[in-house]
C-alpha atoms as a PDB file:
ATOM      1  CA  MET A   1      94.856 185.618-100.237  1.00  0.00           C
ATOM      2  CA  SER A   2      98.337 184.652 -99.754  1.00  0.00           C
ATOM      3  CA  GLY A   3      98.292 181.415-101.982  1.00  0.00           C
ATOM      4  CA  THR A   4      99.317 180.212-105.159  1.00  0.00           C
ATOM      5  CA  PRO A   5      97.940 181.862-108.308  1.00  0.00           C
ATOM      6  CA  ASP A   6      95.826 178.634-108.735  1.00  0.00           C
ATOM      7  CA  GLU A   7      94.085 179.065-105.522  1.00  0.00           C
ATOM      8  CA  ASP A   8      93.399 182.817-106.147  1.00  0.00           C
ATOM      9  CA  GLU A   9      91.927 182.080-109.360  1.00  0.00           C
ATOM     10  CA  LEU A  10      89.705 179.351-107.607  1.00  0.00           C
ATOM     11  CA  GLU A  11      88.666 181.680-104.874  1.00  0.00           C
ATOM     12  CA  GLU A  12      87.828 184.457-107.504  1.00  0.00           C
ATOM     13  CA  LEU A  13      85.654 181.841-109.598  1.00  0.00           C
ATOM     14  CA  ARG A  14      83.908 180.686-106.137  1.00  0.00           C
ATOM     15  CA  ARG A  15      82.987 184.228-105.365  1.00  0.00           C
ATOM     16  CA  GLN A  16      81.858 184.994-109.037  1.00  0.00           C
ATOM     17  CA  LYS A  17      79.625 181.901-108.575  1.00  0.00           C
ATOM     18  CA  MET A  18      78.191 182.969-105.400  1.00  0.00           C
ATOM     19  CA  GLU A  19      77.336 186.423-106.837  1.00  0.00           C
ATOM     20  CA  GLN A  20      75.514 184.652-109.731  1.00  0.00           C
ATOM     21  CA  LEU A  21      73.681 182.331-107.460  1.00  0.00           C
ATOM     22  CA  GLN A  22      72.415 185.243-105.301  1.00  0.00           C
ATOM     23  CA  GLU A  23      71.427 187.275-108.148  1.00  0.00           C
ATOM     24  CA  GLN A  24      69.273 184.301-109.754  1.00  0.00           C
ATOM     25  CA  ALA A  25      67.573 183.924-106.144  1.00  0.00           C
ATOM     26  CA  GLY A  26      66.899 187.506-106.296  1.00  0.00           C
ATOM     27  CA  GLN A  27      65.324 187.410-109.752  1.00  0.00           C
ATOM     28  CA  GLN A  28      63.232 184.377-108.763  1.00  0.00           C
ATOM     29  CA  GLN A  29      61.967 186.117-105.598  1.00  0.00           C
ATOM     30  CA  ASN A  30      61.097 189.134-107.803  1.00  0.00           C
ATOM     31  CA  GLU A  31      59.184 186.954-110.323  1.00  0.00           C
ATOM     32  CA  GLU A  32      57.278 185.163-107.463  1.00  0.00           C
ATOM     33  CA  ALA A  33      56.293 188.647-105.836  1.00  0.00           C
ATOM     34  CA  GLN A  34      54.971 189.738-109.246  1.00  0.00           C
ATOM     35  CA  GLU A  35      52.982 186.628-109.817  1.00  0.00           C
ATOM     36  CA  ALA A  36      51.626 187.268-106.355  1.00  0.00           C
ATOM     37  CA  ALA A  37      50.602 190.704-107.074  1.00  0.00           C
ATOM     38  CA  GLN A  38      49.014 189.714-110.300  1.00  0.00           C
ATOM     39  CA  GLN A  39      46.883 186.886-108.749  1.00  0.00           C
ATOM     40  CA  GLN A  40      45.835 189.360-106.120  1.00  0.00           C
ATOM     41  CA  ALA A  41      44.849 192.012-108.806  1.00  0.00           C
ATOM     42  CA  ASP A  42      42.826 189.332-110.632  1.00  0.00           C
ATOM     43  CA  ALA A  43      41.038 188.038-107.301  1.00  0.00           C
ATOM     44  CA  GLN A  44      40.150 191.694-106.581  1.00  0.00           C
ATOM     45  CA  LYS A  45      38.828 192.315-110.056  1.00  0.00           C
ATOM     46  CA  GLN A  46      36.637 189.355-109.982  1.00  0.00           C
ATOM     47  CA  ALA A  47      35.200 190.253-106.627  1.00  0.00           C
ATOM     48  CA  ILE A  48      34.263 193.519-107.913  1.00  0.00           C
ATOM     49  CA  LEU A  49      32.584 191.836-111.223  1.00  0.00           C
ATOM     50  CA  ARG A  50      30.794 189.689-108.708  1.00  0.00           C
ATOM     51  CA  GLN A  51      29.604 192.608-106.714  1.00  0.00           C
ATOM     52  CA  TYR A  52      28.324 194.738-109.780  1.00  0.00           C
ATOM     53  CA  LEU A  53      27.207 192.224-112.099  1.00  0.00           C
ATOM     54  CA  THR A  54      24.324 189.971-112.322  1.00  0.00           C
ATOM     55  CA  ASP A  55      24.780 186.172-113.058  1.00  0.00           C
ATOM     56  CA  ASP A  56      23.418 187.025-116.725  1.00  0.00           C
ATOM     57  CA  ALA A  57      25.662 189.969-117.440  1.00  0.00           C
ATOM     58  CA  ARG A  58      28.583 187.840-116.118  1.00  0.00           C
ATOM     59  CA  LYS A  59      27.736 184.925-118.228  1.00  0.00           C
ATOM     60  CA  ARG A  60      27.761 187.453-121.210  1.00  0.00           C
ATOM     61  CA  LEU A  61      30.985 189.194-120.538  1.00  0.00           C
ATOM     62  CA  ASN A  62      32.565 185.612-120.024  1.00  0.00           C
ATOM     63  CA  THR A  63      31.293 184.641-123.454  1.00  0.00           C
ATOM     64  CA  VAL A  64      32.499 187.822-124.978  1.00  0.00           C
ATOM     65  CA  LYS A  65      35.852 187.354-123.341  1.00  0.00           C
ATOM     66  CA  MET A  66      36.044 183.720-124.618  1.00  0.00           C
ATOM     67  CA  SER A  67      35.553 184.753-128.303  1.00  0.00           C
ATOM     68  CA  LYS A  68      37.470 187.959-127.986  1.00  0.00           C
ATOM     69  CA  GLN A  69      39.690 187.857-125.211  1.00  0.00           C
ATOM     70  CA  GLN A  70      41.453 191.706-125.377  1.00  0.00           C
ATOM     71  CA  PHE A  71      37.912 193.194-125.957  1.00  0.00           C
ATOM     72  CA  GLY A  72      36.644 191.209-123.068  1.00  0.00           C
ATOM     73  CA  GLU A  73      39.300 192.504-120.783  1.00  0.00           C
ATOM     74  CA  GLN A  74      38.818 195.731-121.952  1.00  0.00           C
ATOM     75  CA  VAL A  75      35.021 195.849-120.898  1.00  0.00           C
ATOM     76  CA  GLU A  76      36.236 194.166-117.387  1.00  0.00           C
ATOM     77  CA  ARG A  77      38.481 197.256-116.852  1.00  0.00           C
ATOM     78  CA  GLN A  78      35.859 199.548-117.692  1.00  0.00           C
ATOM     79  CA  VAL A  79      33.485 198.038-115.438  1.00  0.00           C
ATOM     80  CA  VAL A  80      36.132 198.033-112.615  1.00  0.00           C
ATOM     81  CA  ALA A  81      36.836 201.616-113.223  1.00  0.00           C
ATOM     82  CA  LEU A  82      33.150 202.548-113.127  1.00  0.00           C
ATOM     83  CA  ALA A  83      32.699 200.724-109.822  1.00  0.00           C
ATOM     84  CA  GLN A  84      35.692 202.178-108.302  1.00  0.00           C
ATOM     85  CA  SER A  85      34.558 205.612-109.162  1.00  0.00           C
ATOM     86  CA  GLY A  86      31.230 205.073-107.909  1.00  0.00           C
ATOM     87  CA  ARG A  87      29.406 205.465-110.982  1.00  0.00           C
ATOM     88  CA  ILE A  88      27.386 202.221-110.931  1.00  0.00           C
ATOM     89  CA  GLN A  89      24.287 202.324-108.974  1.00  0.00           C
ATOM     90  CA  GLY A  90      22.967 198.717-108.263  1.00  0.00           C
ATOM     91  CA  LYS A  91      23.957 195.980-110.463  1.00  0.00           C
ATOM     92  CA  ILE A  92      24.567 195.743-114.205  1.00  0.00           C
ATOM     93  CA  ASP A  93      22.092 193.550-115.631  1.00  0.00           C
ATOM     94  CA  ASP A  94      22.172 191.739-118.949  1.00  0.00           C
ATOM     95  CA  ALA A  95      20.320 194.261-120.903  1.00  0.00           C
ATOM     96  CA  GLN A  96      22.769 197.063-119.315  1.00  0.00           C
ATOM     97  CA  MET A  97      25.752 194.724-120.525  1.00  0.00           C
ATOM     98  CA  LYS A  98      24.445 194.385-124.004  1.00  0.00           C
ATOM     99  CA  LYS A  99      24.406 198.403-124.152  1.00  0.00           C
ATOM    100  CA  LEU A 100      27.757 198.716-122.543  1.00  0.00           C
ATOM    101  CA  LEU A 101      29.108 195.994-124.978  1.00  0.00           C
ATOM    102  CA  LYS A 102      27.621 197.951-128.046  1.00  0.00           C
ATOM    103  CA  GLU A 103      29.192 201.327-126.749  1.00  0.00           C
ATOM    104  CA  LEU A 104      32.778 200.063-126.153  1.00  0.00           C
ATOM    105  CA  GLN A 105      32.505 197.942-129.475  1.00  0.00           C
ATOM    106  CA  PRO A 106      35.070 199.577-132.121  1.00  0.00           C
ATOM    107  CA  GLU A 107      33.034 200.716-135.080  1.00  0.00           C
ATOM    108  CA  LYS A 108      32.980 197.965-137.755  1.00  0.00           C
ATOM    109  CA  LYS A 109      34.271 199.198-141.171  1.00  0.00           C
ATOM    110  CA  SER A 110      32.013 198.131-144.039  1.00  0.00           C
ATOM    111  CA  PHE A 111      33.313 197.753-147.517  1.00  0.00           C
ATOM    112  CA  ASP A 112      30.837 198.319-150.381  1.00  0.00           C
ATOM    113  CA  ILE A 113      32.320 196.242-153.332  1.00  0.00           C
ATOM    114  CA  GLN A 114      30.832 196.978-156.627  1.00  0.00           C
ATOM    115  CA  ARG A 115      31.674 194.950-159.527  1.00  0.00           C
ATOM    116  CA  ARG A 116      31.676 196.519-163.222  1.00  0.00           C
END
């Protein structure tokens, strides 16, 4: 770098810009890899649910998931965990899904309001 100070500054700015662009490209690839891994995990979860749930049980779970998304996802994770641990024999039907939903549902708090 035997140039004028302006050329040296320009070269330094080019180097910094190049590093910045490379860093942005690396972040974008990382985000794409994470998104692909998430899609693969979702596909695997759906395959397990199709394998271990009857159509009626899947419909019930989807209905629950539409109204209470977090609870529905919790139930899905529970079913997948049971399936992966080998604790499910056959398929879960609608009656068993109702029972599972009832077991996993948090206790409702009731308020007894008395007026004086």
